[in-house]
Amino acid sequence: MANIKIKTNKGAKKRFKVTGSGKITHFKANKSHILTTKNRKRKRRLRRNSVILSADTLNIKKLLPYER
């Protein structure tokens, strides 16, 4: 039987990025609108990327089979 390619989940590809060491990063939520009620420090922290929890990395890597 021929090898079957796995399709990359396009929604996950837009949201997650795999680093060189294999960790998965993502942008933080709550930074798109209603920013006037959030203080400056909170908005500054939301700018940064953060690493996905180790419990979720296996599921994300299944959605991104060729992004390693």
N, C-alpha and C. Protein backbone atom coordinates (compact mmCIF):
# COMPACT_ATOMS: atom_id res chain seq x y z
N MET A 1 0.84 -1.18 0.00
CA MET A 1 0.00 0.00 0.00
C MET A 1 0.88 1.24 0.00
N ALA A 2 0.47 2.25 -0.73
CA ALA A 2 1.27 3.48 -0.86
C ALA A 2 1.23 4.30 0.43
N ASN A 3 2.31 5.04 0.66
CA ASN A 3 2.33 5.93 1.82
C ASN A 3 1.34 7.06 1.61
N ILE A 4 0.56 7.33 2.63
CA ILE A 4 -0.45 8.39 2.55
C ILE A 4 0.07 9.60 3.29
N LYS A 5 0.04 10.75 2.64
CA LYS A 5 0.47 11.98 3.29
C LYS A 5 -0.62 12.47 4.23
N ILE A 6 -0.21 13.06 5.33
CA ILE A 6 -1.15 13.63 6.29
C ILE A 6 -1.30 15.11 5.96
N LYS A 7 -2.54 15.59 5.96
CA LYS A 7 -2.76 17.01 5.68
C LYS A 7 -2.46 17.83 6.93
N THR A 8 -1.81 18.97 6.73
CA THR A 8 -1.57 19.91 7.80
C THR A 8 -2.85 20.65 8.11
N ASN A 9 -3.15 20.82 9.39
CA ASN A 9 -4.31 21.61 9.79
C ASN A 9 -3.98 23.08 9.60
N LYS A 10 -4.65 23.75 8.67
CA LYS A 10 -4.31 25.12 8.30
C LYS A 10 -4.58 26.10 9.43
N GLY A 11 -5.61 25.84 10.24
CA GLY A 11 -5.90 26.71 11.38
C GLY A 11 -4.78 26.67 12.40
N ALA A 12 -4.24 25.47 12.63
CA ALA A 12 -3.14 25.31 13.58
C ALA A 12 -1.86 25.91 13.02
N LYS A 13 -1.66 25.80 11.71
CA LYS A 13 -0.45 26.34 11.09
C LYS A 13 -0.37 27.85 11.25
N LYS A 14 -1.53 28.53 11.22
CA LYS A 14 -1.57 29.98 11.36
C LYS A 14 -1.37 30.41 12.81
N ARG A 15 -1.69 29.54 13.76
CA ARG A 15 -1.67 29.93 15.18
C ARG A 15 -0.41 29.50 15.93
N PHE A 16 0.24 28.45 15.49
CA PHE A 16 1.38 27.90 16.23
C PHE A 16 2.63 27.90 15.37
N LYS A 17 3.78 27.97 16.06
CA LYS A 17 5.07 27.94 15.38
C LYS A 17 5.98 27.00 16.16
N VAL A 18 6.68 26.12 15.44
CA VAL A 18 7.60 25.19 16.08
C VAL A 18 8.99 25.81 16.09
N THR A 19 9.63 25.87 17.25
CA THR A 19 10.96 26.45 17.37
C THR A 19 12.01 25.43 16.93
N GLY A 20 13.23 25.85 16.88
CA GLY A 20 14.32 24.97 16.48
C GLY A 20 14.52 23.82 17.42
N SER A 21 14.24 24.03 18.71
CA SER A 21 14.41 22.96 19.69
C SER A 21 13.20 22.05 19.78
N GLY A 22 12.14 22.35 19.00
CA GLY A 22 10.97 21.48 18.99
C GLY A 22 9.83 21.95 19.86
N LYS A 23 10.01 23.05 20.58
CA LYS A 23 8.93 23.59 21.40
C LYS A 23 7.93 24.30 20.49
N ILE A 24 6.70 24.43 20.96
CA ILE A 24 5.66 25.09 20.18
C ILE A 24 5.26 26.38 20.87
N THR A 25 5.27 27.48 20.11
CA THR A 25 4.89 28.77 20.67
C THR A 25 3.56 29.21 20.07
N HIS A 26 2.91 30.13 20.76
CA HIS A 26 1.64 30.68 20.28
C HIS A 26 1.51 32.11 20.78
N PHE A 27 0.65 32.87 20.12
CA PHE A 27 0.35 34.22 20.57
C PHE A 27 -0.68 34.16 21.67
N LYS A 28 -0.63 35.09 22.60
CA LYS A 28 -1.58 35.11 23.69
C LYS A 28 -2.90 35.73 23.25
N ALA A 29 -3.96 35.32 23.90
CA ALA A 29 -5.30 35.80 23.56
C ALA A 29 -5.57 37.13 24.25
N ASN A 30 -6.71 37.73 23.95
CA ASN A 30 -7.23 38.96 24.58
C ASN A 30 -6.45 40.21 24.20
N LYS A 31 -5.89 40.27 23.00
CA LYS A 31 -5.13 41.44 22.58
C LYS A 31 -5.72 42.07 21.32
N SER A 32 -6.97 41.73 20.97
CA SER A 32 -7.51 42.19 19.70
C SER A 32 -8.45 43.38 19.83
N HIS A 33 -9.26 43.46 20.87
CA HIS A 33 -10.18 44.60 20.99
C HIS A 33 -10.50 44.83 22.46
N ILE A 34 -11.23 45.90 22.73
CA ILE A 34 -11.54 46.37 24.09
C ILE A 34 -10.24 46.57 24.88
N LEU A 35 -9.30 47.27 24.27
CA LEU A 35 -7.99 47.46 24.90
C LEU A 35 -7.98 48.64 25.86
N THR A 36 -9.00 49.49 25.83
CA THR A 36 -9.01 50.67 26.70
C THR A 36 -9.21 50.28 28.16
N THR A 37 -9.86 49.15 28.41
CA THR A 37 -10.10 48.74 29.80
C THR A 37 -8.93 47.95 30.38
N LYS A 38 -7.98 47.54 29.54
CA LYS A 38 -6.83 46.77 30.01
C LYS A 38 -5.66 47.71 30.25
N ASN A 39 -4.95 47.50 31.35
CA ASN A 39 -3.86 48.43 31.67
C ASN A 39 -2.64 48.16 30.81
N ARG A 40 -1.71 49.10 30.84
CA ARG A 40 -0.54 49.08 29.95
C ARG A 40 0.32 47.86 30.18
N LYS A 41 0.50 47.50 31.44
CA LYS A 41 1.34 46.35 31.77
C LYS A 41 0.76 45.06 31.21
N ARG A 42 -0.56 44.92 31.31
CA ARG A 42 -1.22 43.71 30.81
C ARG A 42 -1.10 43.61 29.29
N LYS A 43 -1.29 44.72 28.60
CA LYS A 43 -1.17 44.72 27.13
C LYS A 43 0.26 44.42 26.70
N ARG A 44 1.22 44.89 27.45
CA ARG A 44 2.63 44.65 27.13
C ARG A 44 2.96 43.16 27.29
N ARG A 45 2.42 42.53 28.33
CA ARG A 45 2.65 41.09 28.52
C ARG A 45 1.97 40.26 27.45
N LEU A 46 0.82 40.73 26.95
CA LEU A 46 0.09 39.98 25.92
C LEU A 46 0.79 40.02 24.56
N ARG A 47 1.72 40.95 24.37
CA ARG A 47 2.45 41.04 23.10
C ARG A 47 3.35 39.83 22.87
N ARG A 48 3.89 39.28 23.96
CA ARG A 48 4.90 38.24 23.83
C ARG A 48 4.31 36.89 23.46
N ASN A 49 5.10 36.08 22.79
CA ASN A 49 4.72 34.69 22.53
C ASN A 49 4.93 33.90 23.81
N SER A 50 4.25 32.80 23.93
CA SER A 50 4.50 31.91 25.05
C SER A 50 4.55 30.48 24.55
N VAL A 51 5.15 29.61 25.34
CA VAL A 51 5.34 28.21 24.96
C VAL A 51 4.11 27.42 25.39
N ILE A 52 3.68 26.51 24.54
CA ILE A 52 2.54 25.65 24.84
C ILE A 52 2.91 24.70 25.98
N LEU A 53 1.94 24.36 26.82
CA LEU A 53 2.17 23.40 27.89
C LEU A 53 2.55 22.04 27.32
N SER A 54 3.36 21.31 28.05
CA SER A 54 3.86 20.03 27.54
C SER A 54 2.73 19.02 27.34
N ALA A 55 1.63 19.16 28.08
CA ALA A 55 0.50 18.25 27.92
C ALA A 55 -0.18 18.42 26.57
N ASP A 56 -0.09 19.61 25.98
CA ASP A 56 -0.77 19.89 24.71
C ASP A 56 0.13 19.73 23.50
N THR A 57 1.44 19.59 23.70
CA THR A 57 2.35 19.59 22.55
C THR A 57 2.12 18.40 21.62
N LEU A 58 1.79 17.24 22.15
CA LEU A 58 1.59 16.07 21.31
C LEU A 58 0.41 16.28 20.37
N ASN A 59 -0.68 16.85 20.89
CA ASN A 59 -1.86 17.09 20.06
C ASN A 59 -1.58 18.12 18.98
N ILE A 60 -0.82 19.16 19.29
CA ILE A 60 -0.50 20.20 18.32
C ILE A 60 0.43 19.62 17.25
N LYS A 61 1.39 18.80 17.65
CA LYS A 61 2.32 18.22 16.68
C LYS A 61 1.63 17.27 15.71
N LYS A 62 0.53 16.66 16.14
CA LYS A 62 -0.26 15.82 15.23
C LYS A 62 -0.94 16.68 14.17
N LEU A 63 -1.31 17.90 14.52
CA LEU A 63 -1.95 18.80 13.57
C LEU A 63 -0.92 19.39 12.59
N LEU A 64 0.34 19.42 13.00
CA LEU A 64 1.42 19.99 12.19
C LEU A 64 2.47 18.92 11.88
N PRO A 65 2.15 17.94 11.06
CA PRO A 65 3.06 16.80 10.88
C PRO A 65 4.38 17.12 10.22
N TYR A 66 4.44 18.16 9.37
CA TYR A 66 5.67 18.45 8.62
C TYR A 66 6.36 19.72 9.08
N GLU A 67 5.98 20.25 10.22
CA GLU A 67 6.54 21.51 10.71
C GLU A 67 7.64 21.28 11.73
N ARG A 68 8.27 20.11 11.72
CA ARG A 68 9.26 19.80 12.76
C ARG A 68 10.61 20.18 12.35
